[in-house]
């Protein structure tokens, strides 16, 4: 195929959000890929471009924490991130189990996030998905997660600073429009507005497991976008993004928390990367 014709096909494919790797088209930013799980269940992935960003809270950031200090520059290589949090339908297709069955504060809807999953369960899902597809799926690093969440923004949220929490309802499920409204569960993915990378529910709905060990600050954190792992592994793992149960400031892009790998919670799920 002539180079000019191939270039035109790649450009057209990119405009439609297609991935045409078989023809030699580069997987550029904004491109999408759909992975079909057992039973034909789709899992949509979004290409996150490489780049550099400032990780952590900015000086004087409203309702922030010293857990988010010091702010530091991180370079991130391009990678793929799931468009949505892993859903119950996707989990059941890959794992054949329902860890949330019979437990409280769970919505009976296949397109809601898979909850009550250990960190180790999330890792097992990535391994099973990798074996099924022949692709290297994994949990995102904390740096990758924040970079993907911010989507080239430096404000408190990816929609702005929102100092009075007026706009948050358009982008996130949080305590104010979920728990306080009597809806004590994670909601169907994709109902709120996405960020500039086309990712949904990066703020709110459920907190998301990352690969990293939890550290109380960023002193000594890697600057290459990779996971920060201790040897031996520490007692806690990173969770990001806030949830339907939490305060609005927990939905900030810099907000971070931790839980033991064996925590099973109705407000914690995960998102897959590769």
Protein backbone atom coordinates (compact mmCIF):
# COMPACT_ATOMS: atom_id res chain seq x y z
CA UNK A 1 0.00 0.00 0.00
CA UNK A 2 1.39 3.40 -0.93
CA UNK A 3 2.55 5.60 1.96
CA UNK A 4 0.21 8.48 1.00
CA UNK A 5 -2.83 6.20 0.89
CA UNK A 6 -1.87 4.60 4.23
CA UNK A 7 -1.48 8.03 5.83
CA UNK A 8 -4.94 9.04 4.62
CA UNK A 9 -6.44 5.82 6.03
CA UNK A 10 -4.74 6.45 9.38
CA UNK A 11 -6.03 10.03 9.51
CA UNK A 12 -9.58 8.94 8.65
CA UNK A 13 -9.40 6.13 11.21
CA UNK A 14 -8.17 8.53 13.88
CA UNK A 15 -11.03 10.92 13.20
CA UNK A 16 -13.45 8.04 13.77
CA UNK A 17 -11.67 6.93 16.92
CA UNK A 18 -10.45 3.68 15.34
CA UNK A 19 -7.24 1.74 15.94
CA UNK A 20 -5.70 0.43 12.72
CA UNK A 21 -2.53 -1.17 14.04
CA UNK A 22 -2.67 -4.04 11.55
CA UNK A 23 -2.08 -1.52 8.74
CA UNK A 24 0.80 0.13 10.57
CA UNK A 25 -1.11 3.13 11.86
CA UNK A 26 0.47 4.52 15.05
CA UNK A 27 -1.72 4.37 18.19
CA UNK A 28 -1.88 8.13 18.72
CA UNK A 29 -3.65 10.13 21.44
CA UNK A 30 -7.43 9.98 21.52
CA UNK A 31 -7.62 6.72 19.63
CA UNK A 32 -9.92 4.05 20.98
CA UNK A 33 -9.81 0.28 21.05
CA UNK A 34 -12.55 -2.15 21.97
CA UNK A 35 -11.53 -5.47 23.50
CA UNK A 36 -14.21 -8.14 23.43
CA UNK A 37 -14.39 -10.32 26.51
CA UNK A 38 -15.97 -13.79 26.75
CA UNK A 39 -19.60 -13.63 25.67
CA UNK A 40 -18.89 -10.60 23.49
CA UNK A 41 -18.84 -8.16 26.42
CA UNK A 42 -16.99 -5.01 25.27
CA UNK A 43 -14.22 -3.26 27.19
CA UNK A 44 -13.33 0.13 25.70
CA UNK A 45 -9.81 1.50 25.97
CA UNK A 46 -8.56 5.05 25.27
CA UNK A 47 -5.03 5.94 24.18
CA UNK A 48 -3.45 8.36 26.66
CA UNK A 49 -0.64 10.41 25.06
CA UNK A 50 2.82 10.72 26.51
CA UNK A 51 3.60 13.92 28.34
CA UNK A 52 4.89 15.65 31.44
CA UNK A 53 2.83 17.07 34.30
CA UNK A 54 3.07 18.40 37.84
CA UNK A 55 1.82 15.73 40.24
CA UNK A 56 0.34 16.66 43.62
CA UNK A 57 -1.52 19.65 45.01
CA UNK A 58 -0.66 23.16 43.94
CA UNK A 59 0.39 25.69 46.64
CA UNK A 60 -2.62 26.76 48.69
CA UNK A 61 -4.99 24.31 47.00
CA UNK A 62 -8.39 24.41 48.69
CA UNK A 63 -9.34 21.40 50.87
CA UNK A 64 -6.09 19.62 50.05
CA UNK A 65 -3.76 17.49 52.19
CA UNK A 66 -0.06 17.29 52.93
CA UNK A 67 -0.28 13.71 51.65
CA UNK A 68 -0.16 15.40 48.23
CA UNK A 69 3.23 17.10 48.81
CA UNK A 70 5.70 17.87 47.44
CA UNK A 71 4.41 18.74 43.98
CA UNK A 72 6.84 17.28 41.47
CA UNK A 73 7.30 16.90 37.74
CA UNK A 74 6.63 13.47 36.21
CA UNK A 75 7.12 12.21 32.66
CA UNK A 76 4.58 9.63 31.49
CA UNK A 77 4.89 7.38 28.47
CA UNK A 78 1.84 6.82 26.27
CA UNK A 79 -0.42 4.01 27.47
CA UNK A 80 -3.98 2.71 27.23
CA UNK A 81 -6.57 3.35 29.94
CA UNK A 82 -10.07 1.92 30.27
CA UNK A 83 -12.75 4.42 29.30
CA UNK A 84 -14.82 3.34 32.31
CA UNK A 85 -14.30 1.63 35.64
CA UNK A 86 -14.42 -2.16 35.27
CA UNK A 87 -18.08 -3.14 35.43
CA UNK A 88 -19.86 -6.10 36.94
CA UNK A 89 -20.61 -7.44 33.45
CA UNK A 90 -16.92 -7.26 32.50
CA UNK A 91 -15.82 -8.85 35.77
CA UNK A 92 -18.28 -11.73 35.43
CA UNK A 93 -17.27 -12.30 31.80
CA UNK A 94 -13.60 -12.67 32.71
CA UNK A 95 -13.70 -14.12 36.23
CA UNK A 96 -17.02 -15.96 36.34
CA UNK A 97 -17.71 -14.76 39.89
CA UNK A 98 -19.78 -12.06 41.61
CA UNK A 99 -17.92 -10.90 44.76
CA UNK A 100 -20.64 -8.32 45.50
CA UNK A 101 -23.53 -10.80 45.47
CA UNK A 102 -25.71 -10.57 48.57
CA UNK A 103 -23.78 -7.65 50.04
CA UNK A 104 -25.19 -4.27 50.97
CA UNK A 105 -25.04 -0.97 49.07
CA UNK A 106 -24.80 -2.58 45.64
CA UNK A 107 -26.93 -1.65 42.64
CA UNK A 108 -28.26 -4.60 40.62
CA UNK A 109 -27.08 -3.27 37.25
CA UNK A 110 -24.42 -4.98 35.08
CA UNK A 111 -22.92 -1.68 33.90
CA UNK A 112 -22.14 -0.44 37.41
CA UNK A 113 -18.58 -0.81 38.76
CA UNK A 114 -17.40 -4.14 40.11
CA UNK A 115 -17.07 -3.52 43.87
CA UNK A 116 -16.11 -5.57 46.92
CA UNK A 117 -12.95 -6.61 45.07
CA UNK A 118 -9.61 -6.89 46.81
CA UNK A 119 -6.52 -5.25 45.30
CA UNK A 120 -5.32 -8.79 44.69
CA UNK A 121 -8.63 -9.56 42.94
CA UNK A 122 -8.06 -6.60 40.61
CA UNK A 123 -4.58 -7.93 39.87
CA UNK A 124 -6.06 -11.36 39.16
CA UNK A 125 -8.55 -9.79 36.74
CA UNK A 126 -5.69 -8.12 34.84
CA UNK A 127 -3.80 -11.41 34.67
CA UNK A 128 -6.85 -13.34 33.45
CA UNK A 129 -7.64 -10.67 30.87
CA UNK A 130 -4.04 -10.72 29.66
CA UNK A 131 -4.14 -14.50 29.27
CA UNK A 132 -7.42 -14.34 27.36
CA UNK A 133 -6.42 -11.55 24.97
CA UNK A 134 -2.67 -12.00 24.67
CA UNK A 135 -2.24 -8.34 25.66
CA UNK A 136 -0.45 -7.06 28.76
CA UNK A 137 -3.19 -5.61 30.96
CA UNK A 138 -2.40 -4.26 34.42
CA UNK A 139 -3.38 -1.76 37.07
CA UNK A 140 -2.25 1.82 36.36
CA UNK A 141 0.49 3.39 38.40
CA UNK A 142 -0.55 6.24 40.66
CA UNK A 143 1.29 8.70 38.41
CA UNK A 144 -0.43 7.36 35.30
CA UNK A 145 -3.76 7.58 37.06
CA UNK A 146 -3.34 11.24 38.06
CA UNK A 147 -1.97 12.16 34.63
CA UNK A 148 -4.96 10.52 32.93
CA UNK A 149 -7.36 12.13 35.38
CA UNK A 150 -5.97 15.63 34.95
CA UNK A 151 -6.00 15.39 31.14
CA UNK A 152 -3.69 18.40 30.68
CA UNK A 153 -5.29 20.45 33.47
CA UNK A 154 -3.67 21.81 36.63
CA UNK A 155 -6.82 22.83 38.51
CA UNK A 156 -8.36 21.04 41.51
CA UNK A 157 -10.67 19.06 39.25
CA UNK A 158 -10.45 18.31 35.54
CA UNK A 159 -13.39 20.69 35.02
CA UNK A 160 -11.83 23.57 36.97
CA UNK A 161 -11.26 24.64 40.59
CA UNK A 162 -15.00 24.64 41.40
CA UNK A 163 -14.42 26.38 44.78
CA UNK A 164 -18.07 26.18 45.84
CA UNK A 165 -18.66 22.67 44.45
CA UNK A 166 -21.31 23.89 42.03
CA UNK A 167 -20.21 22.03 38.88
CA UNK A 168 -19.24 18.74 40.49
CA UNK A 169 -22.70 17.20 39.99
CA UNK A 170 -22.18 17.30 36.23
CA UNK A 171 -18.98 15.25 36.44
CA UNK A 172 -19.05 13.01 39.48
CA UNK A 173 -21.13 10.84 41.78
CA UNK A 174 -20.21 11.92 45.30
CA UNK A 175 -21.79 12.17 48.75
CA UNK A 176 -23.96 15.16 47.85
CA UNK A 177 -25.77 13.63 44.86
CA UNK A 178 -25.55 9.96 45.83
CA UNK A 179 -25.28 9.07 49.52
CA UNK A 180 -27.13 12.15 50.80
CA UNK A 181 -29.79 11.54 48.16
CA UNK A 182 -30.46 8.07 49.55
CA UNK A 183 -28.61 6.34 46.70
CA UNK A 184 -26.10 4.29 48.68
CA UNK A 185 -24.34 2.57 45.80
CA UNK A 186 -22.08 3.08 42.81
CA UNK A 187 -23.97 4.21 39.72
CA UNK A 188 -23.91 3.07 36.11
CA UNK A 189 -20.66 4.14 34.45
CA UNK A 190 -20.59 6.91 31.88
CA UNK A 191 -23.57 8.94 33.07
CA UNK A 192 -21.50 12.00 33.93
CA UNK A 193 -19.36 14.19 31.68
CA UNK A 194 -15.92 12.86 30.68
CA UNK A 195 -12.58 14.61 30.99
CA UNK A 196 -10.62 15.93 28.00
CA UNK A 197 -9.06 12.50 27.36
CA UNK A 198 -12.52 10.94 27.04
CA UNK A 199 -12.38 9.06 30.37
CA UNK A 200 -15.51 8.83 32.51
CA UNK A 201 -15.91 8.74 36.31
CA UNK A 202 -12.28 9.51 37.07
CA UNK A 203 -13.74 11.61 39.87
CA UNK A 204 -16.32 9.97 42.11
CA UNK A 205 -18.50 6.87 41.68
CA UNK A 206 -15.88 4.48 43.11
CA UNK A 207 -12.32 4.94 44.26
CA UNK A 208 -9.90 2.99 42.09
CA UNK A 209 -7.04 0.67 42.99
CA UNK A 210 -3.58 1.58 41.66
CA UNK A 211 -0.50 -0.65 41.52
CA UNK A 212 1.57 1.41 44.01
CA UNK A 213 2.26 0.98 47.67
CA UNK A 214 0.86 3.83 49.74
CA UNK A 215 3.35 6.47 50.91
CA UNK A 216 2.52 9.39 53.19
CA UNK A 217 4.12 11.94 50.85
CA UNK A 218 5.99 12.14 47.54
CA UNK A 219 9.50 12.40 48.95
CA UNK A 220 11.51 9.91 46.90
CA UNK A 221 8.71 9.24 44.41
CA UNK A 222 9.77 8.12 40.91
CA UNK A 223 9.63 10.74 38.16
CA UNK A 224 9.24 8.30 35.25
CA UNK A 225 5.53 7.53 35.63
CA UNK A 226 6.10 4.00 36.90
CA UNK A 227 4.63 2.49 40.08
CA UNK A 228 6.30 3.23 43.42
CA UNK A 229 6.89 -0.18 44.97
CA UNK A 230 8.64 -1.09 48.19
CA UNK A 231 10.51 -4.32 48.87
CA UNK A 232 8.97 -6.00 50.68
CA UNK A 233 5.58 -4.56 49.74
CA UNK A 234 4.04 -2.37 52.44
CA UNK A 235 0.75 -2.81 54.28
CA UNK A 236 -1.34 -0.43 52.13
CA UNK A 237 -2.07 0.14 48.43
CA UNK A 238 -3.12 3.35 46.67
CA UNK A 239 -6.71 4.24 45.89
CA UNK A 240 -7.66 7.26 43.79
CA UNK A 241 -10.65 9.27 42.64
CA UNK A 242 -13.12 9.63 45.51
CA UNK A 243 -16.49 7.88 45.56
CA UNK A 244 -20.28 8.11 45.93
CA UNK A 245 -19.76 7.86 49.69
CA UNK A 246 -17.16 10.61 50.12
CA UNK A 247 -16.74 14.36 50.51
CA UNK A 248 -16.34 16.45 47.35
CA UNK A 249 -12.70 17.32 48.04
CA UNK A 250 -11.87 13.61 47.79
CA UNK A 251 -12.77 13.85 44.09
CA UNK A 252 -9.92 16.29 43.40
CA UNK A 253 -7.32 15.16 40.87
CA UNK A 254 -4.55 15.25 43.50
CA UNK A 255 -6.50 13.52 46.27
CA UNK A 256 -5.07 10.17 47.38
CA UNK A 257 -5.80 7.51 49.93
CA UNK A 258 -4.86 3.96 50.82
CA UNK A 259 -6.34 0.65 51.90
CA UNK A 260 -5.02 -2.79 52.71
CA UNK A 261 -4.84 -5.18 49.73
CA UNK A 262 -7.50 -7.35 51.40
CA UNK A 263 -10.01 -4.52 51.82
CA UNK A 264 -13.38 -5.28 50.18
CA UNK A 265 -15.51 -2.15 50.06
CA UNK A 266 -18.71 -1.05 48.35
CA UNK A 267 -17.02 2.17 47.27
CA UNK A 268 -13.76 0.80 45.81
CA UNK A 269 -13.31 -0.68 42.33
CA UNK A 270 -10.66 -0.30 39.66
CA UNK A 271 -9.83 0.65 36.11
CA UNK A 272 -7.58 -1.36 33.82
CA UNK A 273 -4.57 -0.14 31.84
CA UNK A 274 -2.01 -1.56 29.45
